[in-house]
Amino acid sequence: MELKKKYKELIALYVLERELCDLFVEGNIDKVFFNYYLKSLKKIKKIIPIEEIDFSELPVESNLGLDIHSNKNKLIILSKLISDKIPNSRIKCIVDKDFDDFLPSISNNNLIKTDYSCLEAYLFCDEVIQKFLDIGIGNFPKTSTNVLRELAKVLKPLFCIRLIREQKFKNAQLIILDGNLNVNKVEATINFDINDYWKKFLMKNGLTSQKVEVMTTYDQINKNLTLDIRNYIHGHDFIDVFYLYINKVKNTNNFRPENIGRALFLTVEVTMLDQYNLFQNIQQ
């Protein structure tokens, strides 16, 4: 069994070694991605998935009221501990922004959030998708521009649903997408019936009596989401919908969602990322 470093040992280390500039991330894919980016710039930093840190002895009063089982929450808590105890520390914790534009959130100098809603949103662009279609799929009937437009039909409504769930029904279960995503193989288009999805969601979670209130809230939120679609994407939804879409159009049965995600990260050119605050920040 791998021995994890306790968070107190970590804080003590950073108190003594002020010059360290380690990066903490949510998972292993994040670690590989950021490591690849920094190495391409010939910048060496230690990148640590937060799951390697032991928070079992964290006092309840130090968890900021957050669920300690979430990797993102662990990063937020660690950033706050470092910010409080070592104000000028160069240690950074990187998290997905998620719903922070809509809900109360925590910020400090040691916490970096993605420019868009999630790390995968940096992949939601013509350069990445077209390269993947050309090399990974081959002879796909639609261009990346068409594909992104089709995916957006689903991803933005799903983001709204997740946001409303976070606001009102935290324990509610989402509906499995496969079977609720109607893909026209000939036209390579997606038909996503949001009203039908809401109906199934409300029925599954015993919330049918609140349908009018929920749909009114959905319409209001959806109408106000007017920025770049990349601000309204949930990472897992993006990979899952993209996988289901290309699989139903091209029958790519040998692919798996996790393979798709890794492949998309591999197609990113480093120069594409330099413009973003997140990547400018981790270079320092």
Protein backbone atom coordinates (compact mmCIF):
# COMPACT_ATOMS: atom_id res chain seq x y z
CA MET A 1 0.00 0.00 0.00
CA GLU A 2 1.40 3.38 -1.01
CA LEU A 3 2.24 5.60 1.94
CA LYS A 4 0.67 9.01 1.52
CA LYS A 5 2.24 12.19 2.85
CA LYS A 6 0.15 13.76 5.59
CA TYR A 7 -0.99 17.31 4.94
CA LYS A 8 0.75 18.53 8.15
CA GLU A 9 4.08 17.17 6.89
CA LEU A 10 3.51 18.96 3.62
CA ILE A 11 2.82 22.29 5.30
CA ALA A 12 5.91 21.86 7.51
CA LEU A 13 8.03 21.18 4.41
CA TYR A 14 6.81 24.31 2.64
CA VAL A 15 7.41 26.43 5.75
CA LEU A 16 11.07 25.35 5.69
CA GLU A 17 11.57 25.24 1.91
CA ARG A 18 10.14 28.58 0.79
CA GLU A 19 11.65 28.35 -2.68
CA LEU A 20 9.60 25.30 -3.69
CA CYS A 21 6.98 25.89 -6.36
CA ASP A 22 5.13 22.57 -6.55
CA LEU A 23 1.80 22.27 -8.36
CA PHE A 24 -1.10 20.23 -6.99
CA VAL A 25 -3.75 18.94 -9.40
CA GLU A 26 -6.99 16.94 -9.31
CA GLY A 27 -5.78 13.73 -10.98
CA ASN A 28 -3.17 11.85 -13.00
CA ILE A 29 -4.34 13.04 -16.41
CA ASP A 30 -4.00 16.63 -15.17
CA LYS A 31 -0.51 15.80 -13.92
CA VAL A 32 0.61 14.41 -17.29
CA PHE A 33 -0.94 17.32 -19.19
CA PHE A 34 0.66 20.07 -17.10
CA ASN A 35 3.95 18.20 -16.97
CA TYR A 36 3.98 17.97 -20.76
CA TYR A 37 3.25 21.68 -21.05
CA LEU A 38 5.99 22.78 -18.63
CA LYS A 39 8.59 20.40 -20.06
CA SER A 40 7.99 21.80 -23.53
CA LEU A 41 8.97 25.19 -22.07
CA LYS A 42 11.97 23.61 -20.32
CA LYS A 43 10.47 24.48 -16.95
CA ILE A 44 10.72 21.77 -14.32
CA LYS A 45 8.21 21.66 -11.47
CA LYS A 46 6.98 18.88 -9.26
CA ILE A 47 3.32 18.13 -10.05
CA ILE A 48 1.40 16.18 -7.43
CA PRO A 49 -2.11 14.67 -7.71
CA ILE A 50 -3.97 15.65 -4.54
CA GLU A 51 -5.02 12.04 -3.94
CA GLU A 52 -1.42 11.37 -2.87
CA ILE A 53 -1.95 13.55 0.22
CA ASP A 54 -3.50 12.20 3.42
CA PHE A 55 -6.19 14.44 4.94
CA SER A 56 -7.50 11.85 7.40
CA GLU A 57 -6.31 13.86 10.42
CA LEU A 58 -7.75 17.16 9.20
CA PRO A 59 -9.87 18.76 11.96
CA VAL A 60 -13.50 19.31 11.01
CA GLU A 61 -13.14 23.05 11.59
CA SER A 62 -10.45 23.20 8.89
CA ASN A 63 -12.47 21.63 6.07
CA LEU A 64 -14.23 24.92 5.21
CA GLY A 65 -17.57 23.09 5.23
CA LEU A 66 -16.54 21.14 2.13
CA ASP A 67 -16.86 17.44 1.37
CA ILE A 68 -13.35 16.12 1.98
CA HIS A 69 -13.95 13.16 -0.37
CA SER A 70 -13.79 15.48 -3.40
CA ASN A 71 -10.36 16.01 -4.96
CA LYS A 72 -11.29 19.56 -5.89
CA ASN A 73 -12.29 20.30 -2.31
CA LYS A 74 -9.02 18.85 -1.01
CA LEU A 75 -7.14 21.24 -3.29
CA ILE A 76 -9.19 24.19 -2.07
CA ILE A 77 -8.55 23.22 1.55
CA LEU A 78 -4.81 22.76 0.96
CA SER A 79 -4.57 26.11 -0.82
CA LYS A 80 -6.29 27.81 2.14
CA LEU A 81 -3.97 26.13 4.66
CA ILE A 82 -0.92 27.22 2.69
CA SER A 83 -2.29 30.73 2.16
CA ASP A 84 -2.93 31.15 5.90
CA LYS A 85 0.34 29.64 7.17
CA ILE A 86 2.75 30.64 4.37
CA PRO A 87 1.36 33.85 2.80
CA ASN A 88 4.08 34.25 0.15
CA SER A 89 4.36 30.59 -0.81
CA ARG A 90 4.84 29.76 -4.49
CA ILE A 91 2.83 26.54 -4.17
CA LYS A 92 -0.22 26.43 -6.44
CA CYS A 93 -3.34 24.26 -6.42
CA ILE A 94 -5.18 23.97 -9.74
CA VAL A 95 -8.93 23.29 -9.89
CA ASP A 96 -11.73 23.38 -12.43
CA LYS A 97 -13.77 26.56 -12.16
CA ASP A 98 -17.00 24.55 -12.52
CA PHE A 99 -19.91 26.67 -11.18
CA ASP A 100 -17.83 29.32 -9.40
CA ASP A 101 -19.27 32.06 -11.62
CA PHE A 102 -22.74 31.24 -10.30
CA LEU A 103 -22.28 30.02 -6.73
CA PRO A 104 -20.33 31.29 -3.69
CA SER A 105 -16.74 30.10 -3.95
CA ILE A 106 -13.36 30.32 -2.24
CA SER A 107 -10.37 32.17 -3.69
CA ASN A 108 -6.83 32.82 -2.50
CA ASN A 109 -3.36 33.44 -3.95
CA ASN A 110 -2.43 29.76 -3.92
CA LEU A 111 -5.55 28.58 -5.74
CA ILE A 112 -5.65 28.74 -9.55
CA LYS A 113 -8.85 28.09 -11.45
CA THR A 114 -9.24 27.18 -15.09
CA ASP A 115 -10.03 30.07 -17.44
CA TYR A 116 -13.12 28.22 -18.59
CA SER A 117 -15.39 25.89 -16.63
CA CYS A 118 -13.04 22.89 -16.75
CA LEU A 119 -9.67 21.71 -18.03
CA GLU A 120 -11.34 19.80 -20.88
CA ALA A 121 -12.79 23.09 -22.17
CA TYR A 122 -9.34 23.96 -23.56
CA LEU A 123 -9.87 21.01 -25.93
CA PHE A 124 -13.21 22.33 -27.18
CA CYS A 125 -11.85 24.14 -30.26
CA ASP A 126 -11.41 23.59 -33.99
CA GLU A 127 -7.65 22.96 -33.80
CA VAL A 128 -7.94 20.07 -31.35
CA ILE A 129 -11.14 18.45 -32.66
CA GLN A 130 -10.13 18.64 -36.34
CA LYS A 131 -6.72 17.12 -35.61
CA PHE A 132 -8.37 14.30 -33.68
CA LEU A 133 -10.92 13.65 -36.43
CA ASP A 134 -8.23 13.60 -39.13
CA ILE A 135 -5.73 11.39 -37.31
CA GLY A 136 -7.77 9.46 -34.75
CA ILE A 137 -10.94 8.79 -36.77
CA GLY A 138 -10.30 9.47 -40.45
CA ASN A 139 -12.91 10.32 -43.10
CA PHE A 140 -15.35 11.75 -40.60
CA PRO A 141 -18.29 13.23 -42.56
CA LYS A 142 -18.32 16.59 -40.74
CA THR A 143 -15.73 19.25 -39.97
CA SER A 144 -14.74 20.23 -36.45
CA THR A 145 -16.90 23.36 -36.69
CA ASN A 146 -19.98 21.24 -37.36
CA VAL A 147 -19.05 18.78 -34.61
CA LEU A 148 -18.56 21.51 -32.02
CA ARG A 149 -21.93 23.00 -32.92
CA GLU A 150 -23.63 19.62 -32.46
CA LEU A 151 -21.91 18.98 -29.12
CA ALA A 152 -22.90 22.43 -27.85
CA LYS A 153 -26.57 21.51 -28.35
CA VAL A 154 -26.15 19.01 -25.50
CA LEU A 155 -23.34 20.37 -23.33
CA LYS A 156 -24.89 23.74 -22.53
CA PRO A 157 -28.27 22.26 -21.41
CA LEU A 158 -26.42 19.63 -19.36
CA PHE A 159 -24.39 22.35 -17.68
CA CYS A 160 -27.65 24.12 -16.76
CA ILE A 161 -29.04 20.89 -15.35
CA ARG A 162 -25.92 20.29 -13.27
CA LEU A 163 -25.99 23.88 -12.01
CA ILE A 164 -29.64 23.65 -10.95
CA ARG A 165 -28.93 20.31 -9.29
CA GLU A 166 -26.06 21.95 -7.37
CA GLN A 167 -28.32 24.82 -6.33
CA LYS A 168 -31.45 22.89 -5.40
CA PHE A 169 -31.09 19.08 -5.49
CA LYS A 170 -27.54 18.13 -4.53
CA ASN A 171 -28.34 14.45 -4.01
CA ALA A 172 -30.35 14.03 -7.21
CA GLN A 173 -29.09 11.53 -9.78
CA LEU A 174 -28.59 12.45 -13.42
CA ILE A 175 -30.01 10.44 -16.30
CA ILE A 176 -27.62 8.28 -18.34
CA LEU A 177 -26.96 10.02 -21.65
CA ASP A 178 -26.76 6.97 -23.89
CA GLY A 179 -30.33 6.30 -24.96
CA ASN A 180 -31.29 9.94 -24.49
CA LEU A 181 -29.03 11.16 -27.28
CA ASN A 182 -30.62 10.81 -30.72
CA VAL A 183 -27.85 10.92 -33.34
CA ASN A 184 -28.72 10.97 -37.04
CA LYS A 185 -25.93 8.88 -38.57
CA VAL A 186 -26.52 10.09 -42.14
CA GLU A 187 -26.61 13.79 -41.28
CA ALA A 188 -24.21 13.47 -38.30
CA THR A 189 -26.54 15.66 -36.23
CA ILE A 190 -27.73 15.42 -32.64
CA ASN A 191 -31.27 15.78 -31.39
CA PHE A 192 -31.34 16.27 -27.63
CA ASP A 193 -34.84 16.70 -26.19
CA ILE A 194 -34.25 18.75 -23.06
CA ASN A 195 -37.89 18.57 -22.00
CA ASP A 196 -37.85 14.77 -22.14
CA TYR A 197 -34.57 14.69 -20.21
CA TRP A 198 -36.00 16.95 -17.50
CA LYS A 199 -39.12 14.77 -17.30
CA LYS A 200 -37.01 11.65 -16.71
CA PHE A 201 -34.76 13.48 -14.24
CA LEU A 202 -37.68 14.75 -12.17
CA MET A 203 -39.43 11.37 -12.20
CA LYS A 204 -36.27 9.49 -11.21
CA ASN A 205 -35.68 11.80 -8.24
CA GLY A 206 -39.30 12.16 -7.11
CA LEU A 207 -39.43 15.84 -8.07
CA THR A 208 -42.28 15.85 -10.60
CA SER A 209 -44.36 18.20 -8.44
CA GLN A 210 -41.67 20.88 -8.89
CA LYS A 211 -41.61 20.71 -12.68
CA VAL A 212 -42.94 24.23 -13.36
CA GLU A 213 -40.52 25.85 -10.91
CA VAL A 214 -37.57 23.85 -12.25
CA MET A 215 -38.32 24.56 -15.91
CA THR A 216 -38.78 28.27 -15.20
CA THR A 217 -35.40 28.32 -13.44
CA TYR A 218 -33.83 26.42 -16.33
CA ASP A 219 -35.16 28.87 -18.93
CA GLN A 220 -33.90 31.86 -16.92
CA ILE A 221 -30.40 30.43 -16.44
CA ASN A 222 -30.08 29.21 -20.01
CA LYS A 223 -31.07 32.62 -21.35
CA ASN A 224 -28.27 34.27 -19.33
CA LEU A 225 -25.50 31.94 -20.51
CA THR A 226 -24.31 34.21 -23.29
CA LEU A 227 -20.51 33.89 -23.05
CA ASP A 228 -18.22 31.46 -24.89
CA ILE A 229 -19.67 27.93 -24.69
CA ARG A 230 -16.42 26.81 -23.04
CA ASN A 231 -17.64 28.53 -19.88
CA TYR A 232 -20.59 26.15 -19.78
CA ILE A 233 -19.05 22.70 -20.23
CA HIS A 234 -18.70 19.91 -17.73
CA GLY A 235 -15.55 17.92 -18.53
CA HIS A 236 -17.01 14.43 -18.21
CA ASP A 237 -20.09 15.44 -20.23
CA PHE A 238 -17.88 16.73 -23.04
CA ILE A 239 -15.90 13.49 -23.31
CA ASP A 240 -18.99 11.28 -22.93
CA VAL A 241 -21.10 13.15 -25.48
CA PHE A 242 -18.22 13.37 -27.96
CA TYR A 243 -17.61 9.61 -27.59
CA LEU A 244 -21.28 8.72 -28.07
CA TYR A 245 -21.56 11.07 -31.05
CA ILE A 246 -18.55 9.83 -33.03
CA ASN A 247 -19.31 6.21 -32.13
CA LYS A 248 -22.88 6.44 -33.44
CA VAL A 249 -21.73 8.17 -36.64
CA LYS A 250 -18.66 6.02 -37.37
CA ASN A 251 -19.19 2.88 -35.22
CA THR A 252 -15.83 3.27 -33.52
CA ASN A 253 -16.48 0.41 -31.08
CA ASN A 254 -12.80 -0.02 -30.21
CA PHE A 255 -12.73 3.40 -28.55
CA ARG A 256 -13.60 4.03 -24.92
CA PRO A 257 -14.48 7.42 -23.36
CA GLU A 258 -11.25 7.46 -21.34
CA ASN A 259 -9.23 6.79 -24.51
CA ILE A 260 -10.97 9.68 -26.24
CA GLY A 261 -10.13 12.04 -23.37
CA ARG A 262 -6.45 11.11 -23.34
CA ALA A 263 -6.21 11.35 -27.12
CA LEU A 264 -7.74 14.83 -27.13
CA PHE A 265 -5.22 16.05 -24.57
CA LEU A 266 -2.44 14.65 -26.77
CA THR A 267 -3.57 16.70 -29.76
CA VAL A 268 -3.15 20.06 -28.01
CA GLU A 269 -0.29 22.20 -29.26
CA VAL A 270 1.62 23.96 -26.49
CA THR A 271 1.50 27.30 -28.30
CA MET A 272 -2.31 27.20 -28.14
CA LEU A 273 -2.18 27.35 -24.35
CA ASP A 274 0.25 30.23 -23.82
CA GLN A 275 -2.51 32.83 -24.19
CA TYR A 276 -4.44 31.66 -21.12
CA ASN A 277 -4.03 33.02 -17.60
CA LEU A 278 -3.83 29.53 -16.09
CA PHE A 279 -0.83 28.54 -18.16
CA GLN A 280 0.88 31.90 -17.78
CA ASN A 281 0.45 31.55 -14.03
CA ILE A 282 1.99 28.09 -13.69
CA GLN A 283 5.09 29.20 -15.59
CA GLN A 284 6.03 31.57 -12.77
